[in-house]
């Protein structure tokens, strides 16, 4: 999906992640945590876009062992600066990857589903 630079659209990406997490059989708390993480990161990325005509591209993918949310946008002012500040963990996801390729900033959130489903 492509989101206009308006943080109100973050809920759509969060809802898609919630659907996949629920379908994967994750516990309610894990489903809610993933949704919250997606909305928060989408909001941050959309704020980086600002008032421009650019869009945030969000792809939510479910694999047998994980849910991946990939967000892509143009780098602000051609540099990394604040774009690369967040490299650590985000509550609700198991892995965060943040990189810049050419003029695009890419953030990938990964939630592994295999262990929790077999345990619960």
PDB file of N, CA and C in Angstrom:
ATOM      1  N   UNK A   1       0.838  -1.160   0.000  1.00  0.00           N
ATOM      2  CA  UNK A   1       0.000   0.000   0.000  1.00  0.00           C
ATOM      3  C   UNK A   1       0.889   1.232   0.000  1.00  0.00           C
ATOM      4  N   UNK A   2       0.365   2.322  -0.536  1.00  0.00           N
ATOM      5  CA  UNK A   2       1.087   3.580  -0.543  1.00  0.00           C
ATOM      6  C   UNK A   2       0.304   4.580   0.288  1.00  0.00           C
ATOM      7  N   UNK A   3       0.975   5.155   1.283  1.00  0.00           N
ATOM      8  CA  UNK A   3       0.323   6.074   2.201  1.00  0.00           C
ATOM      9  C   UNK A   3       0.747   7.501   1.909  1.00  0.00           C
ATOM     10  N   UNK A   4      -0.217   8.403   1.801  1.00  0.00           N
ATOM     11  CA  UNK A   4       0.088   9.823   1.697  1.00  0.00           C
ATOM     12  C   UNK A   4       0.723  10.277   3.003  1.00  0.00           C
ATOM     13  N   UNK A   5       1.372  11.420   2.974  1.00  0.00           N
ATOM     14  CA  UNK A   5       2.092  11.938   4.139  1.00  0.00           C
ATOM     15  C   UNK A   5       1.122  12.465   5.196  1.00  0.00           C
ATOM     16  N   UNK A   6       0.327  11.581   5.747  1.00  0.00           N
ATOM     17  CA  UNK A   6      -0.655  11.908   6.780  1.00  0.00           C
ATOM     18  C   UNK A   6      -0.654  10.746   7.769  1.00  0.00           C
ATOM     19  N   UNK A   7      -0.290  11.016   9.014  1.00  0.00           N
ATOM     20  CA  UNK A   7      -0.135   9.945   9.988  1.00  0.00           C
ATOM     21  C   UNK A   7      -1.436   9.200  10.280  1.00  0.00           C
ATOM     22  N   UNK A   8      -2.572   9.761   9.903  1.00  0.00           N
ATOM     23  CA  UNK A   8      -3.838   9.041  10.125  1.00  0.00           C
ATOM     24  C   UNK A   8      -3.907   7.748   9.313  1.00  0.00           C
ATOM     25  N   UNK A   9      -3.113   7.640   8.258  1.00  0.00           N
ATOM     26  CA  UNK A   9      -3.119   6.439   7.427  1.00  0.00           C
ATOM     27  C   UNK A   9      -2.317   5.288   8.044  1.00  0.00           C
ATOM     28  N   UNK A  10      -1.549   5.567   9.083  1.00  0.00           N
ATOM     29  CA  UNK A  10      -0.747   4.525   9.730  1.00  0.00           C
ATOM     30  C   UNK A  10      -1.615   3.387  10.255  1.00  0.00           C
ATOM     31  N   UNK A  11      -2.826   3.702  10.651  1.00  0.00           N
ATOM     32  CA  UNK A  11      -3.732   2.677  11.181  1.00  0.00           C
ATOM     33  C   UNK A  11      -4.017   1.593  10.141  1.00  0.00           C
ATOM     34  N   UNK A  12      -4.025   1.941   8.874  1.00  0.00           N
ATOM     35  CA  UNK A  12      -4.272   0.951   7.821  1.00  0.00           C
ATOM     36  C   UNK A  12      -3.147  -0.089   7.795  1.00  0.00           C
ATOM     37  N   UNK A  13      -1.919   0.371   7.880  1.00  0.00           N
ATOM     38  CA  UNK A  13      -0.781  -0.559   7.901  1.00  0.00           C
ATOM     39  C   UNK A  13      -0.815  -1.397   9.169  1.00  0.00           C
ATOM     40  N   UNK A  14      -1.131  -0.775  10.295  1.00  0.00           N
ATOM     41  CA  UNK A  14      -1.236  -1.509  11.550  1.00  0.00           C
ATOM     42  C   UNK A  14      -2.325  -2.560  11.502  1.00  0.00           C
ATOM     43  N   UNK A  15      -3.439  -2.229  10.868  1.00  0.00           N
ATOM     44  CA  UNK A  15      -4.539  -3.182  10.724  1.00  0.00           C
ATOM     45  C   UNK A  15      -4.158  -4.380   9.876  1.00  0.00           C
ATOM     46  N   UNK A  16      -3.394  -4.134   8.811  1.00  0.00           N
ATOM     47  CA  UNK A  16      -2.932  -5.249   7.974  1.00  0.00           C
ATOM     48  C   UNK A  16      -2.009  -6.167   8.772  1.00  0.00           C
ATOM     49  N   UNK A  17      -1.106  -5.578   9.536  1.00  0.00           N
ATOM     50  CA  UNK A  17      -0.220  -6.382  10.374  1.00  0.00           C
ATOM     51  C   UNK A  17      -0.995  -7.159  11.422  1.00  0.00           C
ATOM     52  N   UNK A  18      -2.016  -6.521  11.997  1.00  0.00           N
ATOM     53  CA  UNK A  18      -2.851  -7.190  12.994  1.00  0.00           C
ATOM     54  C   UNK A  18      -3.555  -8.401  12.378  1.00  0.00           C
ATOM     55  N   UNK A  19      -4.074  -8.246  11.170  1.00  0.00           N
ATOM     56  CA  UNK A  19      -4.760  -9.343  10.485  1.00  0.00           C
ATOM     57  C   UNK A  19      -3.815 -10.536  10.305  1.00  0.00           C
ATOM     58  N   UNK A  20      -2.602 -10.273   9.799  1.00  0.00           N
ATOM     59  CA  UNK A  20      -1.650 -11.363   9.569  1.00  0.00           C
ATOM     60  C   UNK A  20      -1.224 -12.016  10.877  1.00  0.00           C
ATOM     61  N   UNK A  21      -1.011 -11.211  11.923  1.00  0.00           N
ATOM     62  CA  UNK A  21      -0.599 -11.757  13.207  1.00  0.00           C
ATOM     63  C   UNK A  21      -1.700 -12.624  13.811  1.00  0.00           C
ATOM     64  N   UNK A  22      -2.928 -12.168  13.693  1.00  0.00           N
ATOM     65  CA  UNK A  22      -4.055 -12.943  14.204  1.00  0.00           C
ATOM     66  C   UNK A  22      -4.202 -14.251  13.417  1.00  0.00           C
ATOM     67  N   UNK A  23      -4.063 -14.168  12.097  1.00  0.00           N
ATOM     68  CA  UNK A  23      -4.159 -15.360  11.253  1.00  0.00           C
ATOM     69  C   UNK A  23      -3.026 -16.343  11.536  1.00  0.00           C
ATOM     70  N   UNK A  24      -1.887 -15.833  12.005  1.00  0.00           N
ATOM     71  CA  UNK A  24      -0.751 -16.702  12.322  1.00  0.00           C
ATOM     72  C   UNK A  24      -0.921 -17.376  13.674  1.00  0.00           C
ATOM     73  N   UNK A  25      -1.942 -16.979  14.415  1.00  0.00           N
ATOM     74  CA  UNK A  25      -2.201 -17.603  15.703  1.00  0.00           C
ATOM     75  C   UNK A  25      -1.435 -17.012  16.870  1.00  0.00           C
ATOM     76  N   UNK A  26      -0.910 -15.806  16.723  1.00  0.00           N
ATOM     77  CA  UNK A  26      -0.188 -15.175  17.829  1.00  0.00           C
ATOM     78  C   UNK A  26      -1.152 -14.833  18.964  1.00  0.00           C
ATOM     79  N   UNK A  27      -0.623 -14.763  20.156  1.00  0.00           N
ATOM     80  CA  UNK A  27      -1.413 -14.384  21.328  1.00  0.00           C
ATOM     81  C   UNK A  27      -1.924 -12.957  21.158  1.00  0.00           C
ATOM     82  N   UNK A  28      -3.042 -12.659  21.791  1.00  0.00           N
ATOM     83  CA  UNK A  28      -3.643 -11.324  21.661  1.00  0.00           C
ATOM     84  C   UNK A  28      -2.671 -10.209  22.003  1.00  0.00           C
ATOM     85  N   UNK A  29      -1.867 -10.394  23.045  1.00  0.00           N
ATOM     86  CA  UNK A  29      -0.916  -9.348  23.427  1.00  0.00           C
ATOM     87  C   UNK A  29       0.141  -9.139  22.341  1.00  0.00           C
ATOM     88  N   UNK A  30       0.602 -10.221  21.726  1.00  0.00           N
ATOM     89  CA  UNK A  30       1.596 -10.117  20.651  1.00  0.00           C
ATOM     90  C   UNK A  30       0.993  -9.457  19.419  1.00  0.00           C
ATOM     91  N   UNK A  31      -0.271  -9.758  19.134  1.00  0.00           N
ATOM     92  CA  UNK A  31      -0.971  -9.142  18.004  1.00  0.00           C
ATOM     93  C   UNK A  31      -1.061  -7.634  18.223  1.00  0.00           C
ATOM     94  N   UNK A  32      -1.485  -7.232  19.402  1.00  0.00           N
ATOM     95  CA  UNK A  32      -1.616  -5.802  19.721  1.00  0.00           C
ATOM     96  C   UNK A  32      -0.268  -5.098  19.720  1.00  0.00           C
ATOM     97  N   UNK A  33       0.760  -5.763  20.251  1.00  0.00           N
ATOM     98  CA  UNK A  33       2.098  -5.168  20.277  1.00  0.00           C
ATOM     99  C   UNK A  33       2.635  -4.960  18.874  1.00  0.00           C
ATOM    100  N   UNK A  34       2.429  -5.925  17.997  1.00  0.00           N
ATOM    101  CA  UNK A  34       2.883  -5.785  16.615  1.00  0.00           C
ATOM    102  C   UNK A  34       2.151  -4.644  15.928  1.00  0.00           C
ATOM    103  N   UNK A  35       0.846  -4.582  16.107  1.00  0.00           N
ATOM    104  CA  UNK A  35       0.066  -3.505  15.508  1.00  0.00           C
ATOM    105  C   UNK A  35       0.565  -2.143  15.994  1.00  0.00           C
ATOM    106  N   UNK A  36       0.791  -2.013  17.281  1.00  0.00           N
ATOM    107  CA  UNK A  36       1.282  -0.745  17.841  1.00  0.00           C
ATOM    108  C   UNK A  36       2.650  -0.374  17.278  1.00  0.00           C
ATOM    109  N   UNK A  37       3.525  -1.365  17.132  1.00  0.00           N
ATOM    110  CA  UNK A  37       4.854  -1.108  16.584  1.00  0.00           C
ATOM    111  C   UNK A  37       4.763  -0.618  15.145  1.00  0.00           C
ATOM    112  N   UNK A  38       3.915  -1.252  14.346  1.00  0.00           N
ATOM    113  CA  UNK A  38       3.755  -0.851  12.945  1.00  0.00           C
ATOM    114  C   UNK A  38       3.234   0.578  12.864  1.00  0.00           C
ATOM    115  N   UNK A  39       2.220   0.894  13.641  1.00  0.00           N
ATOM    116  CA  UNK A  39       1.649   2.252  13.618  1.00  0.00           C
ATOM    117  C   UNK A  39       2.702   3.277  14.038  1.00  0.00           C
ATOM    118  N   UNK A  40       3.450   2.981  15.098  1.00  0.00           N
ATOM    119  CA  UNK A  40       4.454   3.925  15.588  1.00  0.00           C
ATOM    120  C   UNK A  40       5.551   4.184  14.549  1.00  0.00           C
ATOM    121  N   UNK A  41       6.038   3.122  13.909  1.00  0.00           N
ATOM    122  CA  UNK A  41       7.101   3.285  12.919  1.00  0.00           C
ATOM    123  C   UNK A  41       6.553   3.980  11.670  1.00  0.00           C
ATOM    124  N   UNK A  42       5.345   3.648  11.250  1.00  0.00           N
ATOM    125  CA  UNK A  42       4.726   4.346  10.121  1.00  0.00           C
ATOM    126  C   UNK A  42       4.598   5.841  10.419  1.00  0.00           C
ATOM    127  N   UNK A  43       4.142   6.167  11.629  1.00  0.00           N
ATOM    128  CA  UNK A  43       4.020   7.575  12.014  1.00  0.00           C
ATOM    129  C   UNK A  43       5.362   8.282  11.909  1.00  0.00           C
ATOM    130  N   UNK A  44       6.406   7.631  12.426  1.00  0.00           N
ATOM    131  CA  UNK A  44       7.738   8.234  12.374  1.00  0.00           C
ATOM    132  C   UNK A  44       8.195   8.443  10.930  1.00  0.00           C
ATOM    133  N   UNK A  45       7.974   7.439  10.098  1.00  0.00           N
ATOM    134  CA  UNK A  45       8.392   7.554   8.699  1.00  0.00           C
ATOM    135  C   UNK A  45       7.586   8.625   7.959  1.00  0.00           C
ATOM    136  N   UNK A  46       6.294   8.699   8.228  1.00  0.00           N
ATOM    137  CA  UNK A  46       5.464   9.714   7.584  1.00  0.00           C
ATOM    138  C   UNK A  46       5.850  11.118   8.038  1.00  0.00           C
ATOM    139  N   UNK A  47       6.254  11.265   9.296  1.00  0.00           N
ATOM    140  CA  UNK A  47       6.717  12.568   9.778  1.00  0.00           C
ATOM    141  C   UNK A  47       7.997  12.986   9.074  1.00  0.00           C
ATOM    142  N   UNK A  48       8.847  12.023   8.717  1.00  0.00           N
ATOM    143  CA  UNK A  48      10.067  12.323   7.973  1.00  0.00           C
ATOM    144  C   UNK A  48       9.747  12.844   6.578  1.00  0.00           C
ATOM    145  N   UNK A  49       8.657  12.354   6.006  1.00  0.00           N
ATOM    146  CA  UNK A  49       8.242  12.816   4.682  1.00  0.00           C
ATOM    147  C   UNK A  49       7.768  14.259   4.764  1.00  0.00           C
ATOM    148  N   UNK A  50       7.061  14.590   5.848  1.00  0.00           N
ATOM    149  CA  UNK A  50       6.579  15.956   6.026  1.00  0.00           C
ATOM    150  C   UNK A  50       5.359  16.230   5.160  1.00  0.00           C
ATOM    151  N   UNK A  51       5.281  17.456   4.665  1.00  0.00           N
ATOM    152  CA  UNK A  51       4.117  17.888   3.897  1.00  0.00           C
ATOM    153  C   UNK A  51       4.285  17.692   2.394  1.00  0.00           C
ATOM    154  N   UNK A  52       5.293  16.963   1.991  1.00  0.00           N
ATOM    155  CA  UNK A  52       5.554  16.807   0.564  1.00  0.00           C
ATOM    156  C   UNK A  52       4.519  15.912  -0.102  1.00  0.00           C
ATOM    157  N   UNK A  53       4.619  15.802  -1.381  1.00  0.00           N
ATOM    158  CA  UNK A  53       3.725  14.948  -2.174  1.00  0.00           C
ATOM    159  C   UNK A  53       4.208  13.498  -2.204  1.00  0.00           C
ATOM    160  N   UNK A  54       5.296  13.207  -1.506  1.00  0.00           N
ATOM    161  CA  UNK A  54       5.822  11.849  -1.481  1.00  0.00           C
ATOM    162  C   UNK A  54       4.896  10.928  -0.702  1.00  0.00           C
ATOM    163  N   UNK A  55       5.062   9.649  -0.922  1.00  0.00           N
ATOM    164  CA  UNK A  55       4.276   8.634  -0.220  1.00  0.00           C
ATOM    165  C   UNK A  55       5.205   7.649   0.457  1.00  0.00           C
ATOM    166  N   UNK A  56       4.659   7.006   1.466  1.00  0.00           N
ATOM    167  CA  UNK A  56       5.354   5.915   2.138  1.00  0.00           C
ATOM    168  C   UNK A  56       4.799   4.623   1.568  1.00  0.00           C
ATOM    169  N   UNK A  57       5.684   3.789   1.059  1.00  0.00           N
ATOM    170  CA  UNK A  57       5.276   2.492   0.529  1.00  0.00           C
ATOM    171  C   UNK A  57       5.406   1.461   1.643  1.00  0.00           C
ATOM    172  N   UNK A  58       4.322   0.771   1.949  1.00  0.00           N
ATOM    173  CA  UNK A  58       4.309  -0.219   3.025  1.00  0.00           C
ATOM    174  C   UNK A  58       3.869  -1.557   2.449  1.00  0.00           C
ATOM    175  N   UNK A  59       4.672  -2.579   2.700  1.00  0.00           N
ATOM    176  CA  UNK A  59       4.351  -3.938   2.269  1.00  0.00           C
ATOM    177  C   UNK A  59       4.335  -4.841   3.491  1.00  0.00           C
ATOM    178  N   UNK A  60       3.233  -5.550   3.696  1.00  0.00           N
ATOM    179  CA  UNK A  60       3.116  -6.506   4.794  1.00  0.00           C
ATOM    180  C   UNK A  60       3.055  -7.889   4.168  1.00  0.00           C
ATOM    181  N   UNK A  61       3.968  -8.768   4.587  1.00  0.00           N
ATOM    182  CA  UNK A  61       4.072 -10.104   4.008  1.00  0.00           C
ATOM    183  C   UNK A  61       4.063 -11.145   5.116  1.00  0.00           C
ATOM    184  N   UNK A  62       3.306 -12.195   4.927  1.00  0.00           N
ATOM    185  CA  UNK A  62       3.273 -13.317   5.876  1.00  0.00           C
ATOM    186  C   UNK A  62       3.934 -14.522   5.227  1.00  0.00           C
ATOM    187  N   UNK A  63       4.948 -15.040   5.893  1.00  0.00           N
ATOM    188  CA  UNK A  63       5.611 -16.277   5.505  1.00  0.00           C
ATOM    189  C   UNK A  63       5.287 -17.313   6.573  1.00  0.00           C
ATOM    190  N   UNK A  64       5.585 -18.586   6.345  1.00  0.00           N
ATOM    191  CA  UNK A  64       5.276 -19.592   7.366  1.00  0.00           C
ATOM    192  C   UNK A  64       5.918 -19.312   8.727  1.00  0.00           C
ATOM    193  N   UNK A  65       7.089 -18.672   8.727  1.00  0.00           N
ATOM    194  CA  UNK A  65       7.795 -18.463   9.993  1.00  0.00           C
ATOM    195  C   UNK A  65       7.860 -17.013  10.470  1.00  0.00           C
ATOM    196  N   UNK A  66       7.318 -16.067   9.699  1.00  0.00           N
ATOM    197  CA  UNK A  66       7.443 -14.661  10.102  1.00  0.00           C
ATOM    198  C   UNK A  66       6.446 -13.766   9.374  1.00  0.00           C
ATOM    199  N   UNK A  67       6.297 -12.582   9.955  1.00  0.00           N
ATOM    200  CA  UNK A  67       5.550 -11.494   9.326  1.00  0.00           C
ATOM    201  C   UNK A  67       6.555 -10.371   9.132  1.00  0.00           C
ATOM    202  N   UNK A  68       6.647  -9.860   7.907  1.00  0.00           N
ATOM    203  CA  UNK A  68       7.571  -8.764   7.619  1.00  0.00           C
ATOM    204  C   UNK A  68       6.784  -7.550   7.151  1.00  0.00           C
ATOM    205  N   UNK A  69       7.188  -6.413   7.679  1.00  0.00           N
ATOM    206  CA  UNK A  69       6.609  -5.137   7.267  1.00  0.00           C
ATOM    207  C   UNK A  69       7.759  -4.290   6.742  1.00  0.00           C
ATOM    208  N   UNK A  70       7.698  -3.936   5.473  1.00  0.00           N
ATOM    209  CA  UNK A  70       8.752  -3.153   4.849  1.00  0.00           C
ATOM    210  C   UNK A  70       8.183  -1.784   4.493  1.00  0.00           C
ATOM    211  N   UNK A  71       8.886  -0.738   4.953  1.00  0.00           N
ATOM    212  CA  UNK A  71       8.478   0.638   4.675  1.00  0.00           C
ATOM    213  C   UNK A  71       9.588   1.310   3.878  1.00  0.00           C
ATOM    214  N   UNK A  72       9.205   1.954   2.769  1.00  0.00           N
ATOM    215  CA  UNK A  72      10.182   2.626   1.906  1.00  0.00           C
ATOM    216  C   UNK A  72       9.728   4.054   1.665  1.00  0.00           C
ATOM    217  N   UNK A  73      10.700   4.962   1.712  1.00  0.00           N
ATOM    218  CA  UNK A  73      10.445   6.365   1.401  1.00  0.00           C
ATOM    219  C   UNK A  73      11.739   6.981   0.894  1.00  0.00           C
ATOM    220  N   UNK A  74      11.606   8.126   0.265  1.00  0.00           N
ATOM    221  CA  UNK A  74      12.790   8.847  -0.188  1.00  0.00           C
ATOM    222  C   UNK A  74      13.510   9.420   1.022  1.00  0.00           C
ATOM    223  N   UNK A  75      14.855   9.414   0.967  1.00  0.00           N
ATOM    224  CA  UNK A  75      15.653   9.970   2.053  1.00  0.00           C
ATOM    225  C   UNK A  75      15.455  11.478   2.110  1.00  0.00           C
ATOM    226  N   UNK A  76      15.351  12.008   3.309  1.00  0.00           N
ATOM    227  CA  UNK A  76      15.191  13.448   3.501  1.00  0.00           C
ATOM    228  C   UNK A  76      16.493  14.154   3.163  1.00  0.00           C
ATOM    229  N   UNK A  77      16.430  15.127   2.287  1.00  0.00           N
ATOM    230  CA  UNK A  77      17.574  15.963   1.913  1.00  0.00           C
ATOM    231  C   UNK A  77      18.774  15.164   1.415  1.00  0.00           C
ATOM    232  N   UNK A  78      18.519  13.968   0.887  1.00  0.00           N
ATOM    233  CA  UNK A  78      19.590  13.175   0.305  1.00  0.00           C
ATOM    234  C   UNK A  78      20.594  12.613   1.291  1.00  0.00           C
ATOM    235  N   UNK A  79      20.409  12.832   2.590  1.00  0.00           N
ATOM    236  CA  UNK A  79      21.364  12.335   3.578  1.00  0.00           C
ATOM    237  C   UNK A  79      20.718  11.317   4.481  1.00  0.00           C
ATOM    238  N   UNK A  80      21.514  10.752   5.369  1.00  0.00           N
ATOM    239  CA  UNK A  80      20.934   9.795   6.289  1.00  0.00           C
ATOM    240  C   UNK A  80      20.567  10.462   7.595  1.00  0.00           C
ATOM    241  N   UNK A  81      21.480  11.112   8.302  1.00  0.00           N
ATOM    242  CA  UNK A  81      21.193  11.841   9.518  1.00  0.00           C
ATOM    243  C   UNK A  81      20.231  11.126  10.437  1.00  0.00           C
ATOM    244  N   UNK A  82      19.096  11.716  10.677  1.00  0.00           N
ATOM    245  CA  UNK A  82      18.080  11.146  11.567  1.00  0.00           C
ATOM    246  C   UNK A  82      17.513   9.845  11.000  1.00  0.00           C
ATOM    247  N   UNK A  83      17.563   9.685   9.678  1.00  0.00           N
ATOM    248  CA  UNK A  83      17.025   8.482   9.059  1.00  0.00           C
ATOM    249  C   UNK A  83      17.661   7.221   9.621  1.00  0.00           C
ATOM    250  N   UNK A  84      18.949   7.272   9.944  1.00  0.00           N
ATOM    251  CA  UNK A  84      19.635   6.066  10.388  1.00  0.00           C
ATOM    252  C   UNK A  84      19.795   6.004  11.900  1.00  0.00           C
ATOM    253  N   UNK A  85      19.155   6.903  12.632  1.00  0.00           N
ATOM    254  CA  UNK A  85      19.333   6.968  14.082  1.00  0.00           C
ATOM    255  C   UNK A  85      18.793   5.728  14.783  1.00  0.00           C
ATOM    256  N   UNK A  86      17.755   5.120  14.269  1.00  0.00           N
ATOM    257  CA  UNK A  86      17.142   3.985  14.958  1.00  0.00           C
ATOM    258  C   UNK A  86      17.635   2.679  14.354  1.00  0.00           C
ATOM    259  N   UNK A  87      18.464   1.996  15.098  1.00  0.00           N
ATOM    260  CA  UNK A  87      18.963   0.699  14.654  1.00  0.00           C
ATOM    261  C   UNK A  87      18.590  -0.398  15.640  1.00  0.00           C
ATOM    262  N   UNK A  88      18.107  -0.041  16.817  1.00  0.00           N
ATOM    263  CA  UNK A  88      17.852  -1.014  17.873  1.00  0.00           C
ATOM    264  C   UNK A  88      16.512  -1.696  17.748  1.00  0.00           C
ATOM    265  N   UNK A  89      16.057  -2.204  18.870  1.00  0.00           N
ATOM    266  CA  UNK A  89      14.803  -2.954  18.917  1.00  0.00           C
ATOM    267  C   UNK A  89      13.609  -2.027  19.091  1.00  0.00           C
ATOM    268  N   UNK A  90      12.492  -2.505  18.664  1.00  0.00           N
ATOM    269  CA  UNK A  90      11.211  -1.844  18.841  1.00  0.00           C
ATOM    270  C   UNK A  90      10.308  -2.871  19.508  1.00  0.00           C
ATOM    271  N   UNK A  91       9.654  -2.481  20.583  1.00  0.00           N
ATOM    272  CA  UNK A  91       8.753  -3.404  21.282  1.00  0.00           C
ATOM    273  C   UNK A  91       7.691  -3.910  20.306  1.00  0.00           C
ATOM    274  N   UNK A  92       7.418  -5.205  20.349  1.00  0.00           N
ATOM    275  CA  UNK A  92       6.399  -5.795  19.486  1.00  0.00           C
ATOM    276  C   UNK A  92       6.940  -6.504  18.265  1.00  0.00           C
ATOM    277  N   UNK A  93       8.225  -6.287  17.948  1.00  0.00           N
ATOM    278  CA  UNK A  93       8.844  -6.979  16.813  1.00  0.00           C
ATOM    279  C   UNK A  93      10.126  -7.652  17.289  1.00  0.00           C
ATOM    280  N   UNK A  94      10.569  -8.649  16.545  1.00  0.00           N
ATOM    281  CA  UNK A  94      11.763  -9.406  16.913  1.00  0.00           C
ATOM    282  C   UNK A  94      13.029  -8.897  16.247  1.00  0.00           C
ATOM    283  N   UNK A  95      12.885  -8.224  15.111  1.00  0.00           N
ATOM    284  CA  UNK A  95      14.059  -7.762  14.369  1.00  0.00           C
ATOM    285  C   UNK A  95      13.726  -6.471  13.651  1.00  0.00           C
ATOM    286  N   UNK A  96      14.674  -5.537  13.699  1.00  0.00           N
ATOM    287  CA  UNK A  96      14.530  -4.264  12.995  1.00  0.00           C
ATOM    288  C   UNK A  96      15.739  -4.091  12.093  1.00  0.00           C
ATOM    289  N   UNK A  97      15.486  -3.815  10.825  1.00  0.00           N
ATOM    290  CA  UNK A  97      16.565  -3.515   9.882  1.00  0.00           C
ATOM    291  C   UNK A  97      16.252  -2.152   9.289  1.00  0.00           C
ATOM    292  N   UNK A  98      17.266  -1.318   9.264  1.00  0.00           N
ATOM    293  CA  UNK A  98      17.085   0.039   8.760  1.00  0.00           C
ATOM    294  C   UNK A  98      18.269   0.357   7.863  1.00  0.00           C
ATOM    295  N   UNK A  99      18.010   0.687   6.609  1.00  0.00           N
ATOM    296  CA  UNK A  99      19.097   0.943   5.677  1.00  0.00           C
ATOM    297  C   UNK A  99      18.700   1.991   4.649  1.00  0.00           C
ATOM    298  N   UNK A 100      19.706   2.517   3.985  1.00  0.00           N
ATOM    299  CA  UNK A 100      19.486   3.461   2.901  1.00  0.00           C
ATOM    300  C   UNK A 100      20.092   2.856   1.647  1.00  0.00           C
ATOM    301  N   UNK A 101      19.288   2.743   0.595  1.00  0.00           N
ATOM    302  CA  UNK A 101      19.756   2.248  -0.698  1.00  0.00           C
ATOM    303  C   UNK A 101      19.455   3.325  -1.720  1.00  0.00           C
ATOM    304  N   UNK A 102      20.505   3.805  -2.363  1.00  0.00           N
ATOM    305  CA  UNK A 102      20.377   4.914  -3.311  1.00  0.00           C
ATOM    306  C   UNK A 102      19.704   6.075  -2.587  1.00  0.00           C
ATOM    307  N   UNK A 103      18.543   6.497  -3.018  1.00  0.00           N
ATOM    308  CA  UNK A 103      17.834   7.614  -2.379  1.00  0.00           C
ATOM    309  C   UNK A 103      16.678   7.139  -1.501  1.00  0.00           C
ATOM    310  N   UNK A 104      16.594   5.842  -1.273  1.00  0.00           N
ATOM    311  CA  UNK A 104      15.474   5.299  -0.520  1.00  0.00           C
ATOM    312  C   UNK A 104      15.893   4.855   0.877  1.00  0.00           C
ATOM    313  N   UNK A 105      15.061   5.195   1.867  1.00  0.00           N
ATOM    314  CA  UNK A 105      15.229   4.718   3.234  1.00  0.00           C
ATOM    315  C   UNK A 105      14.291   3.525   3.389  1.00  0.00           C
ATOM    316  N   UNK A 106      14.826   2.412   3.852  1.00  0.00           N
ATOM    317  CA  UNK A 106      14.047   1.183   3.986  1.00  0.00           C
ATOM    318  C   UNK A 106      14.103   0.724   5.443  1.00  0.00           C
ATOM    319  N   UNK A 107      12.936   0.523   6.014  1.00  0.00           N
ATOM    320  CA  UNK A 107      12.833  -0.011   7.367  1.00  0.00           C
ATOM    321  C   UNK A 107      12.068  -1.317   7.282  1.00  0.00           C
ATOM    322  N   UNK A 108      12.645  -2.380   7.856  1.00  0.00           N
ATOM    323  CA  UNK A 108      12.014  -3.700   7.818  1.00  0.00           C
ATOM    324  C   UNK A 108      11.795  -4.172   9.256  1.00  0.00           C
ATOM    325  N   UNK A 109      10.548  -4.444   9.586  1.00  0.00           N
ATOM    326  CA  UNK A 109      10.187  -4.995  10.885  1.00  0.00           C
ATOM    327  C   UNK A 109       9.844  -6.461  10.682  1.00  0.00           C
ATOM    328  N   UNK A 110      10.399  -7.331  11.516  1.00  0.00           N
ATOM    329  CA  UNK A 110      10.146  -8.761  11.407  1.00  0.00           C
ATOM    330  C   UNK A 110       9.628  -9.292  12.736  1.00  0.00           C
ATOM    331  N   UNK A 111       8.533 -10.020  12.660  1.00  0.00           N
ATOM    332  CA  UNK A 111       7.971 -10.719  13.819  1.00  0.00           C
ATOM    333  C   UNK A 111       7.976 -12.197  13.471  1.00  0.00           C
ATOM    334  N   UNK A 112       8.732 -12.993  14.245  1.00  0.00           N
ATOM    335  CA  UNK A 112       8.772 -14.430  14.009  1.00  0.00           C
ATOM    336  C   UNK A 112       7.549 -15.073  14.644  1.00  0.00           C
ATOM    337  N   UNK A 113       6.922 -16.012  13.935  1.00  0.00           N
ATOM    338  CA  UNK A 113       5.678 -16.582  14.411  1.00  0.00           C
ATOM    339  C   UNK A 113       5.782 -18.067  14.735  1.00  0.00           C
ATOM    340  N   UNK A 114       6.760 -18.768  14.263  1.00  0.00           N
ATOM    341  CA  UNK A 114       6.845 -20.207  14.430  1.00  0.00           C
ATOM    342  C   UNK A 114       6.910 -20.666  15.879  1.00  0.00           C
ATOM    343  N   UNK A 115       7.798 -20.096  16.681  1.00  0.00           N
ATOM    344  CA  UNK A 115       7.992 -20.554  18.056  1.00  0.00           C
ATOM    345  C   UNK A 115       6.765 -20.300  18.914  1.00  0.00           C
ATOM    346  N   UNK A 116       6.182 -19.097  18.790  1.00  0.00           N
ATOM    347  CA  UNK A 116       5.050 -18.750  19.642  1.00  0.00           C
ATOM    348  C   UNK A 116       3.825 -19.592  19.302  1.00  0.00           C
ATOM    349  N   UNK A 117       3.615 -19.874  18.016  1.00  0.00           N
ATOM    350  CA  UNK A 117       2.458 -20.663  17.617  1.00  0.00           C
ATOM    351  C   UNK A 117       2.583 -22.079  18.142  1.00  0.00           C
ATOM    352  N   UNK A 118       3.773 -22.689  18.043  1.00  0.00           N
ATOM    353  CA  UNK A 118       3.916 -24.066  18.525  1.00  0.00           C
ATOM    354  C   UNK A 118       3.878 -24.139  20.044  1.00  0.00           C
ATOM    355  N   UNK A 119       4.246 -23.063  20.717  1.00  0.00           N
ATOM    356  CA  UNK A 119       4.234 -23.054  22.177  1.00  0.00           C
ATOM    357  C   UNK A 119       2.838 -22.772  22.726  1.00  0.00           C
ATOM    358  N   UNK A 120       1.983 -22.117  21.915  1.00  0.00           N
ATOM    359  CA  UNK A 120       0.728 -21.684  22.492  1.00  0.00           C
ATOM    360  C   UNK A 120      -0.456 -22.359  22.000  1.00  0.00           C
TER     361      UNK A 120
END
